[in-house]
């Protein structure tokens, strides 16, 4: 295969993301990305050491588009958090297969750290500090990651939930499942976030 004279990190990340969007995270490999670019696998090693480095580039490519600017203190703190969370949901939701990479590489990602810094600042202004702020920040990250996965890979309303609705021996669970068709993904996400934020309120 002809080898490109020079590749930028952005080009590598774009190729890796294309592989993930098409074949899922399991399809990401040095060979697959090399083929996407049109070069040999060994040629790709001139630019990155391994798949893990490709994963980091993908996270920066996607999360780098998230607006990490504070929404403004004129809004109540919980509204500021909602805005920040929705920004990530919108961007990551377009590429849900990268969610596990967000978990793995969050400490190395400058974009994730900037987003988390803004969240931490908002929580501090709300009156949460010390251990309470630690728990609040981690809860928000866990909720965002889990909710995005459920929304795209196993939503509340779907074939799997319908199976649960038919279990007469699980009356409470099956009744809950039967009501799921009336809950949109936006209602599910925002309703859960509202419950979480209500529990964080320091007042």
C-alpha atoms as a PDB file:
ATOM      1  CA  UNK A   1       0.000   0.000   0.000  1.00  0.00           C
ATOM      2  CA  UNK A   2       1.244   3.535  -0.643  1.00  0.00           C
ATOM      3  CA  UNK A   3       2.309   5.241   2.569  1.00  0.00           C
ATOM      4  CA  UNK A   4       1.145   8.802   3.229  1.00  0.00           C
ATOM      5  CA  UNK A   5       4.063  11.178   3.616  1.00  0.00           C
ATOM      6  CA  UNK A   6       2.729  12.596   6.875  1.00  0.00           C
ATOM      7  CA  UNK A   7      -0.276  12.043   9.090  1.00  0.00           C
ATOM      8  CA  UNK A   8      -1.586  14.325  11.817  1.00  0.00           C
ATOM      9  CA  UNK A   9      -3.062  13.104  15.130  1.00  0.00           C
ATOM     10  CA  UNK A  10      -6.427  14.395  13.901  1.00  0.00           C
ATOM     11  CA  UNK A  11      -6.276  12.272  10.766  1.00  0.00           C
ATOM     12  CA  UNK A  12      -5.372   9.179  12.793  1.00  0.00           C
ATOM     13  CA  UNK A  13      -8.188   9.852  15.242  1.00  0.00           C
ATOM     14  CA  UNK A  14     -10.696  10.385  12.434  1.00  0.00           C
ATOM     15  CA  UNK A  15      -9.731   7.077  10.837  1.00  0.00           C
ATOM     16  CA  UNK A  16      -9.945   5.240  14.164  1.00  0.00           C
ATOM     17  CA  UNK A  17     -13.339   6.789  14.911  1.00  0.00           C
ATOM     18  CA  UNK A  18     -14.609   5.735  11.486  1.00  0.00           C
ATOM     19  CA  UNK A  19     -13.621   2.143  12.290  1.00  0.00           C
ATOM     20  CA  UNK A  20     -15.380   2.292  15.672  1.00  0.00           C
ATOM     21  CA  UNK A  21     -18.559   3.830  14.237  1.00  0.00           C
ATOM     22  CA  UNK A  22     -18.685   1.156  11.540  1.00  0.00           C
ATOM     23  CA  UNK A  23     -17.477  -1.967  13.369  1.00  0.00           C
ATOM     24  CA  UNK A  24     -17.897  -1.175  17.042  1.00  0.00           C
ATOM     25  CA  UNK A  25     -15.156  -0.863  19.623  1.00  0.00           C
ATOM     26  CA  UNK A  26     -14.204  -4.515  19.167  1.00  0.00           C
ATOM     27  CA  UNK A  27     -13.309  -3.739  15.554  1.00  0.00           C
ATOM     28  CA  UNK A  28     -10.660  -1.182  16.504  1.00  0.00           C
ATOM     29  CA  UNK A  29      -7.160  -2.455  15.803  1.00  0.00           C
ATOM     30  CA  UNK A  30      -3.916  -1.158  14.362  1.00  0.00           C
ATOM     31  CA  UNK A  31      -4.567  -3.198  11.221  1.00  0.00           C
ATOM     32  CA  UNK A  32      -8.121  -1.886  10.780  1.00  0.00           C
ATOM     33  CA  UNK A  33      -7.036   1.729  11.163  1.00  0.00           C
ATOM     34  CA  UNK A  34      -4.121   1.219   8.773  1.00  0.00           C
ATOM     35  CA  UNK A  35      -6.523  -0.160   6.171  1.00  0.00           C
ATOM     36  CA  UNK A  36      -8.875   2.773   6.742  1.00  0.00           C
ATOM     37  CA  UNK A  37      -6.031   5.174   5.999  1.00  0.00           C
ATOM     38  CA  UNK A  38      -4.614   3.122   3.152  1.00  0.00           C
ATOM     39  CA  UNK A  39      -1.249   2.155   4.552  1.00  0.00           C
ATOM     40  CA  UNK A  40       0.505  -0.892   5.989  1.00  0.00           C
ATOM     41  CA  UNK A  41       0.057  -1.839   9.628  1.00  0.00           C
ATOM     42  CA  UNK A  42       3.781  -1.447  10.217  1.00  0.00           C
ATOM     43  CA  UNK A  43       3.623   2.002   8.671  1.00  0.00           C
ATOM     44  CA  UNK A  44       1.034   3.026  11.264  1.00  0.00           C
ATOM     45  CA  UNK A  45       3.502   2.211  14.041  1.00  0.00           C
ATOM     46  CA  UNK A  46       5.528   5.189  12.838  1.00  0.00           C
ATOM     47  CA  UNK A  47       2.838   7.398  14.337  1.00  0.00           C
ATOM     48  CA  UNK A  48       1.398   5.543  17.347  1.00  0.00           C
ATOM     49  CA  UNK A  49       2.748   2.839  19.642  1.00  0.00           C
ATOM     50  CA  UNK A  50      -0.400   0.776  20.085  1.00  0.00           C
ATOM     51  CA  UNK A  51      -4.199   0.649  20.131  1.00  0.00           C
ATOM     52  CA  UNK A  52      -4.290   2.437  23.486  1.00  0.00           C
ATOM     53  CA  UNK A  53      -2.736   5.513  21.921  1.00  0.00           C
ATOM     54  CA  UNK A  54      -5.341   5.397  19.147  1.00  0.00           C
ATOM     55  CA  UNK A  55      -8.061   5.274  21.793  1.00  0.00           C
ATOM     56  CA  UNK A  56      -6.703   8.399  23.461  1.00  0.00           C
ATOM     57  CA  UNK A  57      -6.668  10.227  20.139  1.00  0.00           C
ATOM     58  CA  UNK A  58     -10.302   9.260  19.526  1.00  0.00           C
ATOM     59  CA  UNK A  59     -11.385  10.535  22.935  1.00  0.00           C
ATOM     60  CA  UNK A  60      -9.665  13.864  22.308  1.00  0.00           C
ATOM     61  CA  UNK A  61     -11.205  14.133  18.853  1.00  0.00           C
ATOM     62  CA  UNK A  62     -14.743  13.605  20.140  1.00  0.00           C
ATOM     63  CA  UNK A  63     -14.586  15.267  23.549  1.00  0.00           C
ATOM     64  CA  UNK A  64     -12.540  18.142  22.196  1.00  0.00           C
ATOM     65  CA  UNK A  65     -15.732  19.480  20.609  1.00  0.00           C
ATOM     66  CA  UNK A  66     -17.527  19.720  23.965  1.00  0.00           C
ATOM     67  CA  UNK A  67     -17.984  23.281  25.177  1.00  0.00           C
ATOM     68  CA  UNK A  68     -16.408  23.387  28.655  1.00  0.00           C
ATOM     69  CA  UNK A  69     -17.153  27.071  29.225  1.00  0.00           C
ATOM     70  CA  UNK A  70     -19.102  27.607  32.483  1.00  0.00           C
ATOM     71  CA  UNK A  71     -22.773  28.358  31.692  1.00  0.00           C
ATOM     72  CA  UNK A  72     -22.738  31.409  33.975  1.00  0.00           C
ATOM     73  CA  UNK A  73     -23.527  31.982  37.636  1.00  0.00           C
ATOM     74  CA  UNK A  74     -26.750  33.800  36.779  1.00  0.00           C
ATOM     75  CA  UNK A  75     -28.318  30.339  36.474  1.00  0.00           C
ATOM     76  CA  UNK A  76     -29.015  28.094  39.498  1.00  0.00           C
ATOM     77  CA  UNK A  77     -26.211  25.592  40.059  1.00  0.00           C
ATOM     78  CA  UNK A  78     -28.333  22.584  39.100  1.00  0.00           C
ATOM     79  CA  UNK A  79     -29.221  24.178  35.754  1.00  0.00           C
ATOM     80  CA  UNK A  80     -25.533  24.775  35.092  1.00  0.00           C
ATOM     81  CA  UNK A  81     -24.832  21.094  35.769  1.00  0.00           C
ATOM     82  CA  UNK A  82     -27.684  20.048  33.476  1.00  0.00           C
ATOM     83  CA  UNK A  83     -26.226  22.154  30.656  1.00  0.00           C
ATOM     84  CA  UNK A  84     -22.743  20.698  31.119  1.00  0.00           C
ATOM     85  CA  UNK A  85     -24.064  17.144  31.183  1.00  0.00           C
ATOM     86  CA  UNK A  86     -26.221  17.653  28.100  1.00  0.00           C
ATOM     87  CA  UNK A  87     -23.203  18.960  26.202  1.00  0.00           C
ATOM     88  CA  UNK A  88     -21.391  15.676  26.755  1.00  0.00           C
ATOM     89  CA  UNK A  89     -24.500  13.632  26.091  1.00  0.00           C
ATOM     90  CA  UNK A  90     -25.000  15.255  22.713  1.00  0.00           C
ATOM     91  CA  UNK A  91     -21.408  14.794  21.573  1.00  0.00           C
ATOM     92  CA  UNK A  92     -20.772  11.297  22.939  1.00  0.00           C
ATOM     93  CA  UNK A  93     -24.268  10.151  22.000  1.00  0.00           C
ATOM     94  CA  UNK A  94     -23.308  10.520  18.343  1.00  0.00           C
ATOM     95  CA  UNK A  95     -20.570   7.896  18.905  1.00  0.00           C
ATOM     96  CA  UNK A  96     -21.881   5.692  21.763  1.00  0.00           C
ATOM     97  CA  UNK A  97     -19.299   2.952  21.187  1.00  0.00           C
ATOM     98  CA  UNK A  98     -16.597   5.224  22.625  1.00  0.00           C
ATOM     99  CA  UNK A  99     -18.185   5.329  26.091  1.00  0.00           C
ATOM    100  CA  UNK A 100     -15.870   2.599  27.485  1.00  0.00           C
ATOM    101  CA  UNK A 101     -12.911   4.643  26.232  1.00  0.00           C
ATOM    102  CA  UNK A 102     -14.191   7.609  28.218  1.00  0.00           C
ATOM    103  CA  UNK A 103     -13.972   5.463  31.344  1.00  0.00           C
ATOM    104  CA  UNK A 104     -10.520   4.104  30.525  1.00  0.00           C
ATOM    105  CA  UNK A 105      -8.837   7.321  29.407  1.00  0.00           C
ATOM    106  CA  UNK A 106     -10.626   9.993  31.420  1.00  0.00           C
ATOM    107  CA  UNK A 107      -7.539  10.743  33.528  1.00  0.00           C
ATOM    108  CA  UNK A 108      -5.331  11.237  30.454  1.00  0.00           C
ATOM    109  CA  UNK A 109      -7.834  13.268  28.462  1.00  0.00           C
ATOM    110  CA  UNK A 110      -7.343  17.028  28.586  1.00  0.00           C
ATOM    111  CA  UNK A 111     -10.892  17.512  27.295  1.00  0.00           C
ATOM    112  CA  UNK A 112     -12.457  15.348  30.016  1.00  0.00           C
ATOM    113  CA  UNK A 113     -10.366  17.078  32.666  1.00  0.00           C
ATOM    114  CA  UNK A 114     -11.470  20.540  31.490  1.00  0.00           C
ATOM    115  CA  UNK A 115     -15.123  19.430  31.573  1.00  0.00           C
ATOM    116  CA  UNK A 116     -14.650  17.933  35.037  1.00  0.00           C
ATOM    117  CA  UNK A 117     -12.925  21.112  36.246  1.00  0.00           C
ATOM    118  CA  UNK A 118     -15.961  23.164  35.244  1.00  0.00           C
ATOM    119  CA  UNK A 119     -18.268  20.723  37.028  1.00  0.00           C
ATOM    120  CA  UNK A 120     -16.104  20.848  40.149  1.00  0.00           C
ATOM    121  CA  UNK A 121     -16.222  24.647  40.119  1.00  0.00           C
ATOM    122  CA  UNK A 122     -20.014  24.652  39.834  1.00  0.00           C
ATOM    123  CA  UNK A 123     -20.351  22.143  42.669  1.00  0.00           C
ATOM    124  CA  UNK A 124     -18.010  24.243  44.825  1.00  0.00           C
ATOM    125  CA  UNK A 125     -20.090  27.364  44.217  1.00  0.00           C
ATOM    126  CA  UNK A 126     -23.172  25.334  45.190  1.00  0.00           C
ATOM    127  CA  UNK A 127     -21.634  24.679  48.598  1.00  0.00           C
ATOM    128  CA  UNK A 128     -20.274  21.157  48.097  1.00  0.00           C
ATOM    129  CA  UNK A 129     -16.730  20.599  49.280  1.00  0.00           C
ATOM    130  CA  UNK A 130     -14.425  17.885  50.527  1.00  0.00           C
ATOM    131  CA  UNK A 131     -15.789  14.365  50.362  1.00  0.00           C
ATOM    132  CA  UNK A 132     -19.224  15.569  49.299  1.00  0.00           C
ATOM    133  CA  UNK A 133     -17.766  17.156  46.175  1.00  0.00           C
ATOM    134  CA  UNK A 134     -15.799  13.979  45.408  1.00  0.00           C
ATOM    135  CA  UNK A 135     -18.945  11.871  45.605  1.00  0.00           C
ATOM    136  CA  UNK A 136     -21.015  14.368  43.612  1.00  0.00           C
ATOM    137  CA  UNK A 137     -18.462  14.612  40.796  1.00  0.00           C
ATOM    138  CA  UNK A 138     -18.030  10.854  40.532  1.00  0.00           C
ATOM    139  CA  UNK A 139     -21.794  10.291  40.633  1.00  0.00           C
ATOM    140  CA  UNK A 140     -22.276  12.706  37.751  1.00  0.00           C
ATOM    141  CA  UNK A 141     -19.607  10.998  35.654  1.00  0.00           C
ATOM    142  CA  UNK A 142     -21.055   7.570  36.440  1.00  0.00           C
ATOM    143  CA  UNK A 143     -24.544   8.737  35.555  1.00  0.00           C
ATOM    144  CA  UNK A 144     -23.506  10.297  32.253  1.00  0.00           C
ATOM    145  CA  UNK A 145     -21.547   7.205  31.194  1.00  0.00           C
ATOM    146  CA  UNK A 146     -24.224   4.728  32.252  1.00  0.00           C
ATOM    147  CA  UNK A 147     -27.157   6.713  30.908  1.00  0.00           C
ATOM    148  CA  UNK A 148     -25.576   7.176  27.475  1.00  0.00           C
ATOM    149  CA  UNK A 149     -24.888   3.455  27.229  1.00  0.00           C
ATOM    150  CA  UNK A 150     -28.443   2.588  28.220  1.00  0.00           C
ATOM    151  CA  UNK A 151     -29.937   5.155  25.855  1.00  0.00           C
ATOM    152  CA  UNK A 152     -28.110   3.822  22.815  1.00  0.00           C
ATOM    153  CA  UNK A 153     -27.329   0.206  23.626  1.00  0.00           C
ATOM    154  CA  UNK A 154     -30.194  -0.885  25.894  1.00  0.00           C
ATOM    155  CA  UNK A 155     -32.918   1.757  26.244  1.00  0.00           C
ATOM    156  CA  UNK A 156     -35.673   1.540  28.829  1.00  0.00           C
ATOM    157  CA  UNK A 157     -38.235   0.914  26.090  1.00  0.00           C
ATOM    158  CA  UNK A 158     -37.228  -1.950  23.804  1.00  0.00           C
ATOM    159  CA  UNK A 159     -37.415  -5.699  23.108  1.00  0.00           C
ATOM    160  CA  UNK A 160     -35.490  -6.603  26.252  1.00  0.00           C
ATOM    161  CA  UNK A 161     -37.789  -4.582  28.444  1.00  0.00           C
ATOM    162  CA  UNK A 162     -40.834  -6.123  26.752  1.00  0.00           C
ATOM    163  CA  UNK A 163     -39.624  -9.562  27.796  1.00  0.00           C
ATOM    164  CA  UNK A 164     -39.518  -8.371  31.407  1.00  0.00           C
ATOM    165  CA  UNK A 165     -43.087  -7.079  31.076  1.00  0.00           C
ATOM    166  CA  UNK A 166     -44.314 -10.637  30.519  1.00  0.00           C
ATOM    167  CA  UNK A 167     -42.971 -12.036  33.815  1.00  0.00           C
ATOM    168  CA  UNK A 168     -46.051 -12.488  36.008  1.00  0.00           C
ATOM    169  CA  UNK A 169     -43.867 -13.766  38.867  1.00  0.00           C
ATOM    170  CA  UNK A 170     -42.196 -10.328  39.012  1.00  0.00           C
ATOM    171  CA  UNK A 171     -45.262  -8.104  39.444  1.00  0.00           C
ATOM    172  CA  UNK A 172     -43.570  -4.815  40.324  1.00  0.00           C
ATOM    173  CA  UNK A 173     -40.830  -5.117  37.735  1.00  0.00           C
ATOM    174  CA  UNK A 174     -43.161  -6.274  34.976  1.00  0.00           C
ATOM    175  CA  UNK A 175     -45.618  -3.438  35.659  1.00  0.00           C
ATOM    176  CA  UNK A 176     -42.753  -0.950  35.552  1.00  0.00           C
ATOM    177  CA  UNK A 177     -41.612  -2.422  32.240  1.00  0.00           C
ATOM    178  CA  UNK A 178     -45.091  -2.089  30.767  1.00  0.00           C
ATOM    179  CA  UNK A 179     -45.039   1.652  31.455  1.00  0.00           C
ATOM    180  CA  UNK A 180     -41.659   2.115  29.785  1.00  0.00           C
ATOM    181  CA  UNK A 181     -43.077   2.753  26.316  1.00  0.00           C
ATOM    182  CA  UNK A 182     -44.527   6.001  27.599  1.00  0.00           C
ATOM    183  CA  UNK A 183     -41.132   7.318  28.721  1.00  0.00           C
ATOM    184  CA  UNK A 184     -38.949   8.965  26.079  1.00  0.00           C
ATOM    185  CA  UNK A 185     -35.174   8.764  26.193  1.00  0.00           C
ATOM    186  CA  UNK A 186     -34.997  12.481  26.998  1.00  0.00           C
ATOM    187  CA  UNK A 187     -37.440  12.059  29.888  1.00  0.00           C
ATOM    188  CA  UNK A 188     -35.501   9.078  31.143  1.00  0.00           C
ATOM    189  CA  UNK A 189     -32.160  10.893  31.045  1.00  0.00           C
ATOM    190  CA  UNK A 190     -33.312  14.244  32.400  1.00  0.00           C
ATOM    191  CA  UNK A 191     -35.591  12.714  35.011  1.00  0.00           C
ATOM    192  CA  UNK A 192     -32.789  10.584  36.379  1.00  0.00           C
ATOM    193  CA  UNK A 193     -30.410  13.531  36.394  1.00  0.00           C
ATOM    194  CA  UNK A 194     -32.950  15.647  38.269  1.00  0.00           C
ATOM    195  CA  UNK A 195     -33.262  12.980  40.966  1.00  0.00           C
ATOM    196  CA  UNK A 196     -29.492  12.786  41.272  1.00  0.00           C
ATOM    197  CA  UNK A 197     -29.078  16.556  41.561  1.00  0.00           C
ATOM    198  CA  UNK A 198     -31.884  16.776  44.125  1.00  0.00           C
ATOM    199  CA  UNK A 199     -29.917  14.402  46.331  1.00  0.00           C
ATOM    200  CA  UNK A 200     -26.795  16.580  46.000  1.00  0.00           C
ATOM    201  CA  UNK A 201     -28.518  19.795  47.053  1.00  0.00           C
ATOM    202  CA  UNK A 202     -26.554  21.009  50.115  1.00  0.00           C
ATOM    203  CA  UNK A 203     -29.446  23.021  51.479  1.00  0.00           C
END
